[in-house]
Amino acid sequence: MPSSVWGPSCDAEHKVEFEHEALGYAALVHRGVRRCVPDVYGIALRTREGWDGEQPSYGDASELFYGIVMESFEECREVDFKCLDVPTPRIIVQTLTRIHKANIHRGDIARRNMLFVKELGRVRVY
């Protein structure tokens, strides 16, 4: 089941931002950085309700938003930097190094962009 990341509006500027991000993921895969990035299926324009799915929606449910449709993980959580085991920081640094060596510079390295995927036992950077 695909997951999504959606943006604040349906204007052309936000569409371009999501297109660039989707191209960045594609460039990583093309350059061999595969294990630490999600599969990206494209961008879409949907209603807030369409992005939220079963989750309770806030605001106008019919408002339109651009977003990226990407791979979903059943068991994942944000990396908790307050209680890390010894290998996790090393994995994060290795992952970011692979991304930067592929000449992709995200510019938004934040906790919310790093997930620990339990079934795979690795960190994914979004």
PDB file of N, CA and C in Angstrom:
ATOM      1  N   MET A   1       0.840  -1.179   0.000  1.00  0.00           N
ATOM      2  CA  MET A   1       0.000   0.000   0.000  1.00  0.00           C
ATOM      3  C   MET A   1       0.881   1.237   0.000  1.00  0.00           C
ATOM      4  N   PRO A   2       0.767   2.100  -0.982  1.00  0.00           N
ATOM      5  CA  PRO A   2       1.583   3.306  -1.013  1.00  0.00           C
ATOM      6  C   PRO A   2       1.250   4.255   0.123  1.00  0.00           C
ATOM      7  N   SER A   3       2.247   4.970   0.544  1.00  0.00           N
ATOM      8  CA  SER A   3       2.095   6.015   1.532  1.00  0.00           C
ATOM      9  C   SER A   3       2.194   7.343   0.785  1.00  0.00           C
ATOM     10  N   SER A   4       2.157   8.426   1.512  1.00  0.00           N
ATOM     11  CA  SER A   4       2.251   9.707   0.823  1.00  0.00           C
ATOM     12  C   SER A   4       2.822  10.776   1.727  1.00  0.00           C
ATOM     13  N   VAL A   5       3.369  11.785   1.091  1.00  0.00           N
ATOM     14  CA  VAL A   5       3.798  13.000   1.753  1.00  0.00           C
ATOM     15  C   VAL A   5       3.126  14.107   0.973  1.00  0.00           C
ATOM     16  N   TRP A   6       2.353  14.955   1.622  1.00  0.00           N
ATOM     17  CA  TRP A   6       1.629  15.962   0.857  1.00  0.00           C
ATOM     18  C   TRP A   6       1.938  17.353   1.349  1.00  0.00           C
ATOM     19  N   GLY A   7       1.675  18.299   0.473  1.00  0.00           N
ATOM     20  CA  GLY A   7       2.072  19.673   0.724  1.00  0.00           C
ATOM     21  C   GLY A   7       0.917  20.605   0.985  1.00  0.00           C
ATOM     22  N   PRO A   8       1.248  21.840   1.266  1.00  0.00           N
ATOM     23  CA  PRO A   8       0.266  22.787   1.747  1.00  0.00           C
ATOM     24  C   PRO A   8      -0.682  23.386   0.724  1.00  0.00           C
ATOM     25  N   SER A   9      -0.487  23.158  -0.560  1.00  0.00           N
ATOM     26  CA  SER A   9      -1.435  23.748  -1.489  1.00  0.00           C
ATOM     27  C   SER A   9      -1.353  23.080  -2.846  1.00  0.00           C
ATOM     28  N   CYS A  10      -2.228  23.477  -3.724  1.00  0.00           N
ATOM     29  CA  CYS A  10      -2.249  22.883  -5.064  1.00  0.00           C
ATOM     30  C   CYS A  10      -1.670  23.824  -6.104  1.00  0.00           C
ATOM     31  N   ASP A  11      -0.919  24.860  -5.676  1.00  0.00           N
ATOM     32  CA  ASP A  11      -0.381  25.781  -6.675  1.00  0.00           C
ATOM     33  C   ASP A  11       0.830  25.185  -7.395  1.00  0.00           C
ATOM     34  N   ALA A  12       1.187  25.778  -8.514  1.00  0.00           N
ATOM     35  CA  ALA A  12       2.245  25.254  -9.382  1.00  0.00           C
ATOM     36  C   ALA A  12       3.598  25.207  -8.672  1.00  0.00           C
ATOM     37  N   GLU A  13       3.859  26.164  -7.792  1.00  0.00           N
ATOM     38  CA  GLU A  13       5.137  26.187  -7.079  1.00  0.00           C
ATOM     39  C   GLU A  13       5.323  24.919  -6.242  1.00  0.00           C
ATOM     40  N   HIS A  14       4.280  24.510  -5.532  1.00  0.00           N
ATOM     41  CA  HIS A  14       4.384  23.304  -4.709  1.00  0.00           C
ATOM     42  C   HIS A  14       4.478  22.053  -5.568  1.00  0.00           C
ATOM     43  N   LYS A  15       3.818  22.065  -6.709  1.00  0.00           N
ATOM     44  CA  LYS A  15       3.924  20.922  -7.618  1.00  0.00           C
ATOM     45  C   LYS A  15       5.380  20.747  -8.058  1.00  0.00           C
ATOM     46  N   VAL A  16       6.042  21.829  -8.403  1.00  0.00           N
ATOM     47  CA  VAL A  16       7.444  21.773  -8.830  1.00  0.00           C
ATOM     48  C   VAL A  16       8.329  21.249  -7.698  1.00  0.00           C
ATOM     49  N   GLU A  17       8.085  21.686  -6.475  1.00  0.00           N
ATOM     50  CA  GLU A  17       8.865  21.196  -5.324  1.00  0.00           C
ATOM     51  C   GLU A  17       8.742  19.683  -5.193  1.00  0.00           C
ATOM     52  N   PHE A  18       7.529  19.156  -5.313  1.00  0.00           N
ATOM     53  CA  PHE A  18       7.339  17.713  -5.206  1.00  0.00           C
ATOM     54  C   PHE A  18       7.952  16.977  -6.396  1.00  0.00           C
ATOM     55  N   GLU A  19       7.889  17.574  -7.580  1.00  0.00           N
ATOM     56  CA  GLU A  19       8.527  16.969  -8.755  1.00  0.00           C
ATOM     57  C   GLU A  19      10.039  16.870  -8.545  1.00  0.00           C
ATOM     58  N   HIS A  20      10.650  17.922  -8.005  1.00  0.00           N
ATOM     59  CA  HIS A  20      12.092  17.907  -7.738  1.00  0.00           C
ATOM     60  C   HIS A  20      12.438  16.841  -6.713  1.00  0.00           C
ATOM     61  N   GLU A  21      11.641  16.731  -5.667  1.00  0.00           N
ATOM     62  CA  GLU A  21      11.915  15.716  -4.645  1.00  0.00           C
ATOM     63  C   GLU A  21      11.784  14.312  -5.227  1.00  0.00           C
ATOM     64  N   ALA A  22      10.763  14.078  -6.028  1.00  0.00           N
ATOM     65  CA  ALA A  22      10.598  12.761  -6.661  1.00  0.00           C
ATOM     66  C   ALA A  22      11.772  12.462  -7.600  1.00  0.00           C
ATOM     67  N   LEU A  23      12.242  13.468  -8.336  1.00  0.00           N
ATOM     68  CA  LEU A  23      13.415  13.290  -9.205  1.00  0.00           C
ATOM     69  C   LEU A  23      14.668  12.991  -8.382  1.00  0.00           C
ATOM     70  N   GLY A  24      14.780  13.596  -7.217  1.00  0.00           N
ATOM     71  CA  GLY A  24      15.911  13.317  -6.326  1.00  0.00           C
ATOM     72  C   GLY A  24      15.939  11.864  -5.897  1.00  0.00           C
ATOM     73  N   TYR A  25      14.777  11.323  -5.539  1.00  0.00           N
ATOM     74  CA  TYR A  25      14.699   9.899  -5.182  1.00  0.00           C
ATOM     75  C   TYR A  25      15.081   9.027  -6.374  1.00  0.00           C
ATOM     76  N   ALA A  26      14.582   9.374  -7.546  1.00  0.00           N
ATOM     77  CA  ALA A  26      14.906   8.603  -8.753  1.00  0.00           C
ATOM     78  C   ALA A  26      16.405   8.654  -9.042  1.00  0.00           C
ATOM     79  N   ALA A  27      17.031   9.822  -8.839  1.00  0.00           N
ATOM     80  CA  ALA A  27      18.472   9.956  -9.064  1.00  0.00           C
ATOM     81  C   ALA A  27      19.260   9.087  -8.094  1.00  0.00           C
ATOM     82  N   LEU A  28      18.812   9.013  -6.850  1.00  0.00           N
ATOM     83  CA  LEU A  28      19.482   8.150  -5.875  1.00  0.00           C
ATOM     84  C   LEU A  28      19.441   6.690  -6.323  1.00  0.00           C
ATOM     85  N   VAL A  29      18.274   6.240  -6.731  1.00  0.00           N
ATOM     86  CA  VAL A  29      18.137   4.851  -7.189  1.00  0.00           C
ATOM     87  C   VAL A  29      19.020   4.624  -8.414  1.00  0.00           C
ATOM     88  N   HIS A  30      19.023   5.567  -9.357  1.00  0.00           N
ATOM     89  CA  HIS A  30      19.836   5.453 -10.567  1.00  0.00           C
ATOM     90  C   HIS A  30      21.332   5.376 -10.230  1.00  0.00           C
ATOM     91  N   ARG A  31      21.737   6.067  -9.165  1.00  0.00           N
ATOM     92  CA  ARG A  31      23.155   6.082  -8.775  1.00  0.00           C
ATOM     93  C   ARG A  31      23.493   4.968  -7.789  1.00  0.00           C
ATOM     94  N   GLY A  32      22.584   4.017  -7.606  1.00  0.00           N
ATOM     95  CA  GLY A  32      22.876   2.840  -6.791  1.00  0.00           C
ATOM     96  C   GLY A  32      22.591   2.976  -5.315  1.00  0.00           C
ATOM     97  N   VAL A  33      22.006   4.080  -4.894  1.00  0.00           N
ATOM     98  CA  VAL A  33      21.643   4.252  -3.487  1.00  0.00           C
ATOM     99  C   VAL A  33      20.211   3.763  -3.356  1.00  0.00           C
ATOM    100  N   ARG A  34      20.042   2.489  -3.115  1.00  0.00           N
ATOM    101  CA  ARG A  34      18.726   1.894  -3.187  1.00  0.00           C
ATOM    102  C   ARG A  34      18.148   1.510  -1.836  1.00  0.00           C
ATOM    103  N   ARG A  35      18.951   0.941  -0.979  1.00  0.00           N
ATOM    104  CA  ARG A  35      18.408   0.358   0.247  1.00  0.00           C
ATOM    105  C   ARG A  35      17.902   1.384   1.251  1.00  0.00           C
ATOM    106  N   CYS A  36      18.327   2.625   1.135  1.00  0.00           N
ATOM    107  CA  CYS A  36      17.967   3.597   2.171  1.00  0.00           C
ATOM    108  C   CYS A  36      16.958   4.630   1.702  1.00  0.00           C
ATOM    109  N   VAL A  37      16.343   4.420   0.549  1.00  0.00           N
ATOM    110  CA  VAL A  37      15.316   5.346   0.073  1.00  0.00           C
ATOM    111  C   VAL A  37      14.055   4.561  -0.280  1.00  0.00           C
ATOM    112  N   PRO A  38      12.896   5.184  -0.149  1.00  0.00           N
ATOM    113  CA  PRO A  38      11.654   4.482  -0.483  1.00  0.00           C
ATOM    114  C   PRO A  38      11.446   4.406  -1.992  1.00  0.00           C
ATOM    115  N   ASP A  39      10.621   3.460  -2.418  1.00  0.00           N
ATOM    116  CA  ASP A  39      10.164   3.450  -3.803  1.00  0.00           C
ATOM    117  C   ASP A  39       9.192   4.616  -3.972  1.00  0.00           C
ATOM    118  N   VAL A  40       9.382   5.403  -5.010  1.00  0.00           N
ATOM    119  CA  VAL A  40       8.508   6.544  -5.285  1.00  0.00           C
ATOM    120  C   VAL A  40       7.748   6.238  -6.565  1.00  0.00           C
ATOM    121  N   TYR A  41       6.426   6.365  -6.507  1.00  0.00           N
ATOM    122  CA  TYR A  41       5.573   6.022  -7.638  1.00  0.00           C
ATOM    123  C   TYR A  41       5.156   7.244  -8.450  1.00  0.00           C
ATOM    124  N   GLY A  42       5.403   8.446  -7.939  1.00  0.00           N
ATOM    125  CA  GLY A  42       5.064   9.660  -8.667  1.00  0.00           C
ATOM    126  C   GLY A  42       4.450  10.701  -7.759  1.00  0.00           C
ATOM    127  N   ILE A  43       3.946  11.769  -8.371  1.00  0.00           N
ATOM    128  CA  ILE A  43       3.243  12.795  -7.607  1.00  0.00           C
ATOM    129  C   ILE A  43       1.779  12.773  -8.031  1.00  0.00           C
ATOM    130  N   ALA A  44       0.950  13.311  -7.172  1.00  0.00           N
ATOM    131  CA  ALA A  44      -0.488  13.308  -7.463  1.00  0.00           C
ATOM    132  C   ALA A  44      -1.124  14.560  -6.864  1.00  0.00           C
ATOM    133  N   LEU A  45      -2.277  14.891  -7.363  1.00  0.00           N
ATOM    134  CA  LEU A  45      -3.111  15.964  -6.834  1.00  0.00           C
ATOM    135  C   LEU A  45      -4.370  15.308  -6.305  1.00  0.00           C
ATOM    136  N   ARG A  46      -4.570  15.413  -4.992  1.00  0.00           N
ATOM    137  CA  ARG A  46      -5.719  14.774  -4.336  1.00  0.00           C
ATOM    138  C   ARG A  46      -6.332  15.733  -3.325  1.00  0.00           C
ATOM    139  N   THR A  47      -7.522  15.401  -2.904  1.00  0.00           N
ATOM    140  CA  THR A  47      -8.148  16.157  -1.817  1.00  0.00           C
ATOM    141  C   THR A  47      -7.458  15.793  -0.511  1.00  0.00           C
ATOM    142  N   ARG A  48      -7.614  16.652   0.479  1.00  0.00           N
ATOM    143  CA  ARG A  48      -7.064  16.356   1.813  1.00  0.00           C
ATOM    144  C   ARG A  48      -7.563  14.989   2.271  1.00  0.00           C
ATOM    145  N   GLU A  49      -8.846  14.737   2.052  1.00  0.00           N
ATOM    146  CA  GLU A  49      -9.438  13.452   2.438  1.00  0.00           C
ATOM    147  C   GLU A  49      -8.772  12.306   1.671  1.00  0.00           C
ATOM    148  N   GLY A  50      -8.434  12.536   0.410  1.00  0.00           N
ATOM    149  CA  GLY A  50      -7.763  11.518  -0.391  1.00  0.00           C
ATOM    150  C   GLY A  50      -6.377  11.177   0.123  1.00  0.00           C
ATOM    151  N   TRP A  51      -5.664  12.164   0.674  1.00  0.00           N
ATOM    152  CA  TRP A  51      -4.340  11.907   1.245  1.00  0.00           C
ATOM    153  C   TRP A  51      -4.453  11.289   2.624  1.00  0.00           C
ATOM    154  N   ASP A  52      -5.416  11.732   3.428  1.00  0.00           N
ATOM    155  CA  ASP A  52      -5.516  11.264   4.810  1.00  0.00           C
ATOM    156  C   ASP A  52      -6.035   9.842   4.927  1.00  0.00           C
ATOM    157  N   GLY A  53      -6.801   9.384   3.944  1.00  0.00           N
ATOM    158  CA  GLY A  53      -7.341   8.022   3.999  1.00  0.00           C
ATOM    159  C   GLY A  53      -8.257   7.837   5.185  1.00  0.00           C
ATOM    160  N   GLU A  54      -7.947   6.853   6.001  1.00  0.00           N
ATOM    161  CA  GLU A  54      -8.783   6.500   7.159  1.00  0.00           C
ATOM    162  C   GLU A  54      -8.565   7.437   8.349  1.00  0.00           C
ATOM    163  N   GLN A  55      -7.517   8.230   8.317  1.00  0.00           N
ATOM    164  CA  GLN A  55      -7.213   9.102   9.444  1.00  0.00           C
ATOM    165  C   GLN A  55      -8.204  10.255   9.496  1.00  0.00           C
ATOM    166  N   PRO A  56      -8.476  10.756  10.697  1.00  0.00           N
ATOM    167  CA  PRO A  56      -9.371  11.914  10.794  1.00  0.00           C
ATOM    168  C   PRO A  56      -8.754  13.111  10.071  1.00  0.00           C
ATOM    169  N   SER A  57      -9.552  13.786   9.301  1.00  0.00           N
ATOM    170  CA  SER A  57      -9.091  14.920   8.522  1.00  0.00           C
ATOM    171  C   SER A  57      -9.389  16.208   9.277  1.00  0.00           C
ATOM    172  N   TYR A  58      -8.595  17.214   9.065  1.00  0.00           N
ATOM    173  CA  TYR A  58      -8.865  18.520   9.656  1.00  0.00           C
ATOM    174  C   TYR A  58      -8.957  19.524   8.512  1.00  0.00           C
ATOM    175  N   GLY A  59      -9.623  20.616   8.751  1.00  0.00           N
ATOM    176  CA  GLY A  59      -9.794  21.602   7.690  1.00  0.00           C
ATOM    177  C   GLY A  59     -10.800  21.137   6.658  1.00  0.00           C
ATOM    178  N   ASP A  60     -10.742  21.721   5.487  1.00  0.00           N
ATOM    179  CA  ASP A  60     -11.651  21.413   4.391  1.00  0.00           C
ATOM    180  C   ASP A  60     -11.225  20.111   3.714  1.00  0.00           C
ATOM    181  N   ALA A  61     -12.007  19.063   3.855  1.00  0.00           N
ATOM    182  CA  ALA A  61     -11.668  17.743   3.304  1.00  0.00           C
ATOM    183  C   ALA A  61     -11.596  17.748   1.782  1.00  0.00           C
ATOM    184  N   SER A  62     -12.205  18.740   1.132  1.00  0.00           N
ATOM    185  CA  SER A  62     -12.193  18.775  -0.331  1.00  0.00           C
ATOM    186  C   SER A  62     -11.067  19.655  -0.896  1.00  0.00           C
ATOM    187  N   GLU A  63     -10.268  20.274  -0.007  1.00  0.00           N
ATOM    188  CA  GLU A  63      -9.151  21.108  -0.463  1.00  0.00           C
ATOM    189  C   GLU A  63      -8.114  20.238  -1.174  1.00  0.00           C
ATOM    190  N   LEU A  64      -7.540  20.749  -2.272  1.00  0.00           N
ATOM    191  CA  LEU A  64      -6.592  19.974  -3.078  1.00  0.00           C
ATOM    192  C   LEU A  64      -5.145  20.217  -2.649  1.00  0.00           C
ATOM    193  N   PHE A  65      -4.343  19.132  -2.679  1.00  0.00           N
ATOM    194  CA  PHE A  65      -2.932  19.179  -2.319  1.00  0.00           C
ATOM    195  C   PHE A  65      -2.128  18.312  -3.269  1.00  0.00           C
ATOM    196  N   TYR A  66      -0.916  18.773  -3.622  1.00  0.00           N
ATOM    197  CA  TYR A  66       0.042  17.928  -4.326  1.00  0.00           C
ATOM    198  C   TYR A  66       0.778  17.087  -3.299  1.00  0.00           C
ATOM    199  N   GLY A  67       1.235  15.930  -3.722  1.00  0.00           N
ATOM    200  CA  GLY A  67       2.023  15.088  -2.828  1.00  0.00           C
ATOM    201  C   GLY A  67       2.764  14.024  -3.591  1.00  0.00           C
ATOM    202  N   ILE A  68       3.661  13.362  -2.888  1.00  0.00           N
ATOM    203  CA  ILE A  68       4.434  12.258  -3.453  1.00  0.00           C
ATOM    204  C   ILE A  68       3.801  10.951  -2.993  1.00  0.00           C
ATOM    205  N   VAL A  69       3.579  10.062  -3.925  1.00  0.00           N
ATOM    206  CA  VAL A  69       3.068   8.730  -3.600  1.00  0.00           C
ATOM    207  C   VAL A  69       4.286   7.817  -3.529  1.00  0.00           C
ATOM    208  N   MET A  70       4.513   7.243  -2.347  1.00  0.00           N
ATOM    209  CA  MET A  70       5.719   6.438  -2.143  1.00  0.00           C
ATOM    210  C   MET A  70       5.424   5.175  -1.356  1.00  0.00           C
ATOM    211  N   GLU A  71       6.435   4.337  -1.290  1.00  0.00           N
ATOM    212  CA  GLU A  71       6.364   3.068  -0.571  1.00  0.00           C
ATOM    213  C   GLU A  71       5.952   3.300   0.875  1.00  0.00           C
ATOM    214  N   SER A  72       5.163   2.382   1.392  1.00  0.00           N
ATOM    215  CA  SER A  72       4.708   2.453   2.776  1.00  0.00           C
ATOM    216  C   SER A  72       5.353   1.330   3.572  1.00  0.00           C
ATOM    217  N   PHE A  73       5.604   1.573   4.839  1.00  0.00           N
ATOM    218  CA  PHE A  73       6.185   0.556   5.716  1.00  0.00           C
ATOM    219  C   PHE A  73       5.219   0.300   6.857  1.00  0.00           C
ATOM    220  N   GLU A  74       4.922  -0.959   7.090  1.00  0.00           N
ATOM    221  CA  GLU A  74       3.961  -1.319   8.134  1.00  0.00           C
ATOM    222  C   GLU A  74       4.483  -0.979   9.525  1.00  0.00           C
ATOM    223  N   GLU A  75       5.713  -1.417   9.823  1.00  0.00           N
ATOM    224  CA  GLU A  75       6.252  -1.188  11.153  1.00  0.00           C
ATOM    225  C   GLU A  75       7.448  -0.270  11.061  1.00  0.00           C
ATOM    226  N   CYS A  76       7.227   1.006  11.328  1.00  0.00           N
ATOM    227  CA  CYS A  76       8.339   1.949  11.324  1.00  0.00           C
ATOM    228  C   CYS A  76       8.062   3.017  12.373  1.00  0.00           C
ATOM    229  N   ARG A  77       9.130   3.697  12.732  1.00  0.00           N
ATOM    230  CA  ARG A  77       9.009   4.791  13.690  1.00  0.00           C
ATOM    231  C   ARG A  77      10.110   5.795  13.408  1.00  0.00           C
ATOM    232  N   GLU A  78       9.905   7.014  13.849  1.00  0.00           N
ATOM    233  CA  GLU A  78      10.967   8.008  13.728  1.00  0.00           C
ATOM    234  C   GLU A  78      12.118   7.587  14.621  1.00  0.00           C
ATOM    235  N   VAL A  79      13.317   7.918  14.209  1.00  0.00           N
ATOM    236  CA  VAL A  79      14.499   7.629  15.013  1.00  0.00           C
ATOM    237  C   VAL A  79      14.457   8.519  16.253  1.00  0.00           C
ATOM    238  N   ASP A  80      14.560   7.905  17.430  1.00  0.00           N
ATOM    239  CA  ASP A  80      14.542   8.637  18.691  1.00  0.00           C
ATOM    240  C   ASP A  80      15.986   8.926  19.092  1.00  0.00           C
ATOM    241  N   PHE A  81      16.432  10.158  18.919  1.00  0.00           N
ATOM    242  CA  PHE A  81      17.820  10.519  19.172  1.00  0.00           C
ATOM    243  C   PHE A  81      18.152  10.583  20.666  1.00  0.00           C
ATOM    244  N   LYS A  82      17.135  10.488  21.532  1.00  0.00           N
ATOM    245  CA  LYS A  82      17.383  10.519  22.970  1.00  0.00           C
ATOM    246  C   LYS A  82      17.845   9.167  23.500  1.00  0.00           C
ATOM    247  N   CYS A  83      17.478   8.103  22.808  1.00  0.00           N
ATOM    248  CA  CYS A  83      17.858   6.765  23.289  1.00  0.00           C
ATOM    249  C   CYS A  83      18.289   5.888  22.109  1.00  0.00           C
ATOM    250  N   LEU A  84      19.468   6.176  21.595  1.00  0.00           N
ATOM    251  CA  LEU A  84      20.005   5.418  20.470  1.00  0.00           C
ATOM    252  C   LEU A  84      20.896   4.291  20.960  1.00  0.00           C
ATOM    253  N   ASP A  85      20.846   3.166  20.267  1.00  0.00           N
ATOM    254  CA  ASP A  85      21.821   2.127  20.532  1.00  0.00           C
ATOM    255  C   ASP A  85      23.103   2.500  19.781  1.00  0.00           C
ATOM    256  N   VAL A  86      24.179   1.789  20.002  1.00  0.00           N
ATOM    257  CA  VAL A  86      25.469   2.137  19.413  1.00  0.00           C
ATOM    258  C   VAL A  86      25.465   2.094  17.881  1.00  0.00           C
ATOM    259  N   PRO A  87      24.880   1.086  17.215  1.00  0.00           N
ATOM    260  CA  PRO A  87      24.976   1.042  15.751  1.00  0.00           C
ATOM    261  C   PRO A  87      24.170   2.106  15.008  1.00  0.00           C
ATOM    262  N   THR A  88      23.084   2.611  15.572  1.00  0.00           N
ATOM    263  CA  THR A  88      22.181   3.493  14.836  1.00  0.00           C
ATOM    264  C   THR A  88      22.839   4.788  14.351  1.00  0.00           C
ATOM    265  N   PRO A  89      23.595   5.536  15.180  1.00  0.00           N
ATOM    266  CA  PRO A  89      24.239   6.749  14.652  1.00  0.00           C
ATOM    267  C   PRO A  89      25.194   6.438  13.493  1.00  0.00           C
ATOM    268  N   ARG A  90      25.901   5.323  13.585  1.00  0.00           N
ATOM    269  CA  ARG A  90      26.807   4.925  12.508  1.00  0.00           C
ATOM    270  C   ARG A  90      26.027   4.668  11.229  1.00  0.00           C
ATOM    271  N   ILE A  91      24.886   4.003  11.339  1.00  0.00           N
ATOM    272  CA  ILE A  91      24.037   3.713  10.180  1.00  0.00           C
ATOM    273  C   ILE A  91      23.530   5.007   9.562  1.00  0.00           C
ATOM    274  N   ILE A  92      23.116   5.956  10.393  1.00  0.00           N
ATOM    275  CA  ILE A  92      22.622   7.242   9.893  1.00  0.00           C
ATOM    276  C   ILE A  92      23.721   7.969   9.125  1.00  0.00           C
ATOM    277  N   VAL A  93      24.912   8.026   9.700  1.00  0.00           N
ATOM    278  CA  VAL A  93      26.034   8.706   9.031  1.00  0.00           C
ATOM    279  C   VAL A  93      26.370   8.003   7.717  1.00  0.00           C
ATOM    280  N   GLN A  94      26.412   6.667   7.711  1.00  0.00           N
ATOM    281  CA  GLN A  94      26.696   5.928   6.478  1.00  0.00           C
ATOM    282  C   GLN A  94      25.637   6.208   5.414  1.00  0.00           C
ATOM    283  N   THR A  95      24.387   6.258   5.829  1.00  0.00           N
ATOM    284  CA  THR A  95      23.290   6.518   4.893  1.00  0.00           C
ATOM    285  C   THR A  95      23.414   7.914   4.290  1.00  0.00           C
ATOM    286  N   LEU A  96      23.617   8.914   5.134  1.00  0.00           N
ATOM    287  CA  LEU A  96      23.755  10.282   4.643  1.00  0.00           C
ATOM    288  C   LEU A  96      24.994  10.432   3.755  1.00  0.00           C
ATOM    289  N   THR A  97      26.065   9.733   4.093  1.00  0.00           N
ATOM    290  CA  THR A  97      27.275   9.763   3.269  1.00  0.00           C
ATOM    291  C   THR A  97      27.002   9.187   1.886  1.00  0.00           C
ATOM    292  N   ARG A  98      26.280   8.061   1.822  1.00  0.00           N
ATOM    293  CA  ARG A  98      25.938   7.465   0.517  1.00  0.00           C
ATOM    294  C   ARG A  98      25.090   8.433  -0.312  1.00  0.00           C
ATOM    295  N   ILE A  99      24.148   9.103   0.333  1.00  0.00           N
ATOM    296  CA  ILE A  99      23.287  10.047  -0.375  1.00  0.00           C
ATOM    297  C   ILE A  99      24.119  11.216  -0.902  1.00  0.00           C
ATOM    298  N   HIS A 100      25.002  11.755  -0.086  1.00  0.00           N
ATOM    299  CA  HIS A 100      25.819  12.898  -0.516  1.00  0.00           C
ATOM    300  C   HIS A 100      26.831  12.490  -1.581  1.00  0.00           C
ATOM    301  N   LYS A 101      27.390  11.264  -1.492  1.00  0.00           N
ATOM    302  CA  LYS A 101      28.310  10.787  -2.530  1.00  0.00           C
ATOM    303  C   LYS A 101      27.603  10.637  -3.873  1.00  0.00           C
ATOM    304  N   ALA A 102      26.295  10.427  -3.835  1.00  0.00           N
ATOM    305  CA  ALA A 102      25.511  10.342  -5.071  1.00  0.00           C
ATOM    306  C   ALA A 102      25.184  11.737  -5.602  1.00  0.00           C
ATOM    307  N   ASN A 103      25.738  12.765  -4.935  1.00  0.00           N
ATOM    308  CA  ASN A 103      25.561  14.166  -5.325  1.00  0.00           C
ATOM    309  C   ASN A 103      24.117  14.652  -5.149  1.00  0.00           C
ATOM    310  N   ILE A 104      23.450  14.118  -4.146  1.00  0.00           N
ATOM    311  CA  ILE A 104      22.106  14.574  -3.782  1.00  0.00           C
ATOM    312  C   ILE A 104      22.231  15.266  -2.432  1.00  0.00           C
ATOM    313  N   HIS A 105      21.854  16.514  -2.376  1.00  0.00           N
ATOM    314  CA  HIS A 105      21.939  17.291  -1.146  1.00  0.00           C
ATOM    315  C   HIS A 105      20.533  17.710  -0.751  1.00  0.00           C
ATOM    316  N   ARG A 106      19.998  17.039   0.232  1.00  0.00           N
ATOM    317  CA  ARG A 106      18.604  17.185   0.606  1.00  0.00           C
ATOM    318  C   ARG A 106      18.277  18.573   1.148  1.00  0.00           C
ATOM    319  N   GLY A 107      19.079  19.080   2.049  1.00  0.00           N
ATOM    320  CA  GLY A 107      18.812  20.392   2.616  1.00  0.00           C
ATOM    321  C   GLY A 107      17.752  20.374   3.701  1.00  0.00           C
ATOM    322  N   ASP A 108      17.258  19.208   4.066  1.00  0.00           N
ATOM    323  CA  ASP A 108      16.215  19.104   5.091  1.00  0.00           C
ATOM    324  C   ASP A 108      16.465  17.857   5.939  1.00  0.00           C
ATOM    325  N   ILE A 109      17.642  17.800   6.544  1.00  0.00           N
ATOM    326  CA  ILE A 109      17.959  16.660   7.396  1.00  0.00           C
ATOM    327  C   ILE A 109      17.344  16.942   8.762  1.00  0.00           C
ATOM    328  N   ALA A 110      16.284  16.239   9.066  1.00  0.00           N
ATOM    329  CA  ALA A 110      15.578  16.420  10.325  1.00  0.00           C
ATOM    330  C   ALA A 110      15.093  15.060  10.819  1.00  0.00           C
ATOM    331  N   ARG A 111      14.814  14.972  12.099  1.00  0.00           N
ATOM    332  CA  ARG A 111      14.335  13.706  12.674  1.00  0.00           C
ATOM    333  C   ARG A 111      13.126  13.157  11.942  1.00  0.00           C
ATOM    334  N   ARG A 112      12.221  14.037  11.568  1.00  0.00           N
ATOM    335  CA  ARG A 112      10.987  13.580  10.923  1.00  0.00           C
ATOM    336  C   ARG A 112      11.261  12.916   9.570  1.00  0.00           C
ATOM    337  N   ASN A 113      12.457  13.144   9.018  1.00  0.00           N
ATOM    338  CA  ASN A 113      12.816  12.570   7.729  1.00  0.00           C
ATOM    339  C   ASN A 113      13.608  11.270   7.852  1.00  0.00           C
ATOM    340  N   MET A 114      13.768  10.766   9.082  1.00  0.00           N
ATOM    341  CA  MET A 114      14.493   9.517   9.286  1.00  0.00           C
ATOM    342  C   MET A 114      13.580   8.521   9.969  1.00  0.00           C
ATOM    343  N   LEU A 115      13.435   7.369   9.355  1.00  0.00           N
ATOM    344  CA  LEU A 115      12.595   6.316   9.911  1.00  0.00           C
ATOM    345  C   LEU A 115      13.427   5.080  10.186  1.00  0.00           C
ATOM    346  N   PHE A 116      13.136   4.412  11.291  1.00  0.00           N
ATOM    347  CA  PHE A 116      13.711   3.106  11.552  1.00  0.00           C
ATOM    348  C   PHE A 116      12.662   2.081  11.150  1.00  0.00           C
ATOM    349  N   VAL A 117      12.985   1.267  10.148  1.00  0.00           N
ATOM    350  CA  VAL A 117      12.051   0.275   9.644  1.00  0.00           C
ATOM    351  C   VAL A 117      12.376  -1.045  10.326  1.00  0.00           C
ATOM    352  N   LYS A 118      11.480  -1.482  11.206  1.00  0.00           N
ATOM    353  CA  LYS A 118      11.739  -2.634  12.057  1.00  0.00           C
ATOM    354  C   LYS A 118      11.982  -3.915  11.267  1.00  0.00           C
ATOM    355  N   GLU A 119      11.116  -4.211  10.289  1.00  0.00           N
ATOM    356  CA  GLU A 119      11.249  -5.473   9.575  1.00  0.00           C
ATOM    357  C   GLU A 119      12.550  -5.570   8.799  1.00  0.00           C
ATOM    358  N   LEU A 120      13.101  -4.441   8.417  1.00  0.00           N
ATOM    359  CA  LEU A 120      14.337  -4.440   7.657  1.00  0.00           C
ATOM    360  C   LEU A 120      15.549  -4.178   8.543  1.00  0.00           C
ATOM    361  N   GLY A 121      15.297  -3.664   9.748  1.00  0.00           N
ATOM    362  CA  GLY A 121      16.375  -3.381  10.690  1.00  0.00           C
ATOM    363  C   GLY A 121      17.330  -2.322  10.197  1.00  0.00           C
ATOM    364  N   ARG A 122      16.840  -1.348   9.457  1.00  0.00           N
ATOM    365  CA  ARG A 122      17.716  -0.286   8.971  1.00  0.00           C
ATOM    366  C   ARG A 122      17.005   1.059   9.005  1.00  0.00           C
ATOM    367  N   VAL A 123      17.809   2.096   8.933  1.00  0.00           N
ATOM    368  CA  VAL A 123      17.285   3.459   8.938  1.00  0.00           C
ATOM    369  C   VAL A 123      17.041   3.883   7.511  1.00  0.00           C
ATOM    370  N   ARG A 124      15.929   4.502   7.266  1.00  0.00           N
ATOM    371  CA  ARG A 124      15.643   5.085   5.951  1.00  0.00           C
ATOM    372  C   ARG A 124      15.549   6.591   6.130  1.00  0.00           C
ATOM    373  N   VAL A 125      16.175   7.321   5.246  1.00  0.00           N
ATOM    374  CA  VAL A 125      16.160   8.782   5.300  1.00  0.00           C
ATOM    375  C   VAL A 125      15.206   9.283   4.239  1.00  0.00           C
ATOM    376  N   TYR A 126      14.227  10.084   4.632  1.00  0.00           N
ATOM    377  CA  TYR A 126      13.249  10.635   3.692  1.00  0.00           C
ATOM    378  C   TYR A 126      13.510  12.094   3.478  1.00  0.00           C
TER     379      TYR A 126
END
